[in-house]
């Protein structure tokens, strides 16, 4: 087995081991990671930054400015991408409407709503289930 094959094989074994141990679900390894948190355990996932990761907990500063400290198993990796279904607070009016992500640039997000409306807003006004 050549060196590149050994490295590739070792990487595969490490990944399989992490998944088997639940490591594949790891979501916030270090402060600064962008994550999704289930704010106040309400059943919706909101984007934010892991401010502090310590002792099995993570403090999240959500994109809307709220903060919360939760156990690591209550956090998911940030996985939003163009084409993904989300719900957003259209024009910050208080109601949530389903739509699809049309563009992403940091905290700036373009939404094509299911009813035909379009909006460029901030990720802090959107969520997933």
Protein backbone atom coordinates (compact mmCIF):
# COMPACT_ATOMS: atom_id res chain seq x y z
CA UNK A 1 0.00 0.00 0.00
CA UNK A 2 1.51 3.35 -1.06
CA UNK A 3 1.59 6.37 1.25
CA UNK A 4 -1.40 8.16 -0.44
CA UNK A 5 -3.46 4.97 -0.11
CA UNK A 6 -2.50 4.63 3.56
CA UNK A 7 -3.55 8.22 4.27
CA UNK A 8 -6.84 7.75 2.40
CA UNK A 9 -7.54 4.45 4.20
CA UNK A 10 -6.68 5.97 7.60
CA UNK A 11 -9.02 8.93 6.95
CA UNK A 12 -11.86 6.56 6.07
CA UNK A 13 -11.30 4.52 9.24
CA UNK A 14 -11.27 7.66 11.40
CA UNK A 15 -14.51 8.92 9.81
CA UNK A 16 -16.23 5.54 10.27
CA UNK A 17 -15.08 5.44 13.90
CA UNK A 18 -16.38 8.94 14.58
CA UNK A 19 -19.78 8.10 13.11
CA UNK A 20 -19.97 4.86 15.10
CA UNK A 21 -19.22 6.80 18.30
CA UNK A 22 -21.71 9.54 17.49
CA UNK A 23 -18.94 11.92 16.41
CA UNK A 24 -20.59 12.44 13.04
CA UNK A 25 -23.25 14.51 14.80
CA UNK A 26 -20.70 16.88 16.33
CA UNK A 27 -21.77 20.39 15.65
CA UNK A 28 -19.64 22.96 17.44
CA UNK A 29 -16.00 22.11 17.89
CA UNK A 30 -14.63 25.56 18.62
CA UNK A 31 -15.76 29.08 19.33
CA UNK A 32 -16.50 30.83 16.07
CA UNK A 33 -18.23 27.89 14.36
CA UNK A 34 -21.50 28.79 12.66
CA UNK A 35 -24.23 26.47 14.00
CA UNK A 36 -27.98 25.92 14.16
CA UNK A 37 -29.55 25.97 17.60
CA UNK A 38 -33.01 24.89 18.69
CA UNK A 39 -33.72 28.17 20.50
CA UNK A 40 -35.52 27.53 23.79
CA UNK A 41 -36.23 23.99 22.54
CA UNK A 42 -39.13 25.35 20.43
CA UNK A 43 -38.67 22.87 17.57
CA UNK A 44 -37.12 25.30 15.09
CA UNK A 45 -33.45 25.67 14.18
CA UNK A 46 -31.98 29.16 14.06
CA UNK A 47 -28.50 30.16 12.83
CA UNK A 48 -25.87 31.57 15.13
CA UNK A 49 -22.22 31.56 16.14
CA UNK A 50 -20.78 29.33 18.87
CA UNK A 51 -19.31 31.94 21.22
CA UNK A 52 -18.01 29.51 23.83
CA UNK A 53 -17.64 25.72 23.75
CA UNK A 54 -16.79 24.22 27.12
CA UNK A 55 -17.65 21.27 29.36
CA UNK A 56 -20.24 19.74 27.02
CA UNK A 57 -22.08 23.03 26.48
CA UNK A 58 -22.06 25.74 23.86
CA UNK A 59 -23.11 29.37 24.16
CA UNK A 60 -24.74 30.48 20.92
CA UNK A 61 -25.09 34.08 19.79
CA UNK A 62 -27.98 33.79 17.37
CA UNK A 63 -27.97 35.91 14.23
CA UNK A 64 -30.90 37.92 15.64
CA UNK A 65 -28.85 38.85 18.74
CA UNK A 66 -30.31 36.44 21.31
CA UNK A 67 -27.94 34.26 23.35
CA UNK A 68 -28.41 30.83 24.86
CA UNK A 69 -26.21 28.18 26.50
CA UNK A 70 -27.21 24.60 25.71
CA UNK A 71 -25.70 21.11 25.72
CA UNK A 72 -23.75 20.19 22.59
CA UNK A 73 -26.40 17.63 21.59
CA UNK A 74 -28.89 20.50 21.16
CA UNK A 75 -26.81 22.05 18.36
CA UNK A 76 -26.46 21.08 14.70
CA UNK A 77 -23.90 22.06 12.12
CA UNK A 78 -24.92 25.02 9.97
CA UNK A 79 -26.03 23.36 6.73
CA UNK A 80 -28.11 25.99 4.93
CA UNK A 81 -27.53 26.17 1.19
CA UNK A 82 -29.15 27.52 -1.95
CA UNK A 83 -32.28 25.53 -2.79
CA UNK A 84 -33.03 24.58 0.83
CA UNK A 85 -36.52 25.11 2.30
CA UNK A 86 -36.76 27.57 5.21
CA UNK A 87 -39.33 29.75 6.93
CA UNK A 88 -38.68 33.47 7.22
CA UNK A 89 -40.29 36.40 8.97
CA UNK A 90 -41.38 38.28 5.83
CA UNK A 91 -40.53 42.00 6.08
CA UNK A 92 -40.10 41.47 9.84
CA UNK A 93 -43.89 41.60 10.24
CA UNK A 94 -44.06 38.76 12.78
CA UNK A 95 -45.48 35.95 10.62
CA UNK A 96 -43.36 33.08 9.29
CA UNK A 97 -43.70 32.04 5.65
CA UNK A 98 -42.18 29.09 3.78
CA UNK A 99 -39.71 29.68 1.00
CA UNK A 100 -36.51 28.54 -0.65
CA UNK A 101 -33.03 30.00 -0.23
CA UNK A 102 -32.11 31.75 -3.49
CA UNK A 103 -28.79 33.29 -2.36
CA UNK A 104 -26.48 33.32 0.65
CA UNK A 105 -23.70 35.73 1.55
CA UNK A 106 -22.76 35.64 5.23
CA UNK A 107 -25.83 36.77 7.17
CA UNK A 108 -27.50 38.12 4.01
CA UNK A 109 -30.03 35.67 2.53
CA UNK A 110 -32.27 35.84 -0.52
CA UNK A 111 -35.62 34.06 -0.22
CA UNK A 112 -38.10 33.01 -2.89
CA UNK A 113 -41.32 32.55 -0.95
CA UNK A 114 -43.74 29.80 -1.92
CA UNK A 115 -46.44 32.42 -2.68
CA UNK A 116 -44.21 34.11 -5.31
CA UNK A 117 -42.85 37.00 -3.20
CA UNK A 118 -39.09 37.52 -2.99
CA UNK A 119 -37.00 39.18 -0.33
CA UNK A 120 -33.39 39.75 0.65
CA UNK A 121 -33.14 39.67 4.42
CA UNK A 122 -30.87 38.49 7.24
CA UNK A 123 -30.42 34.90 8.34
CA UNK A 124 -31.56 35.96 11.83
CA UNK A 125 -35.09 36.30 10.44
CA UNK A 126 -35.18 32.71 9.14
CA UNK A 127 -35.45 29.22 10.60
CA UNK A 128 -35.74 25.53 9.64
CA UNK A 129 -37.52 22.56 11.19
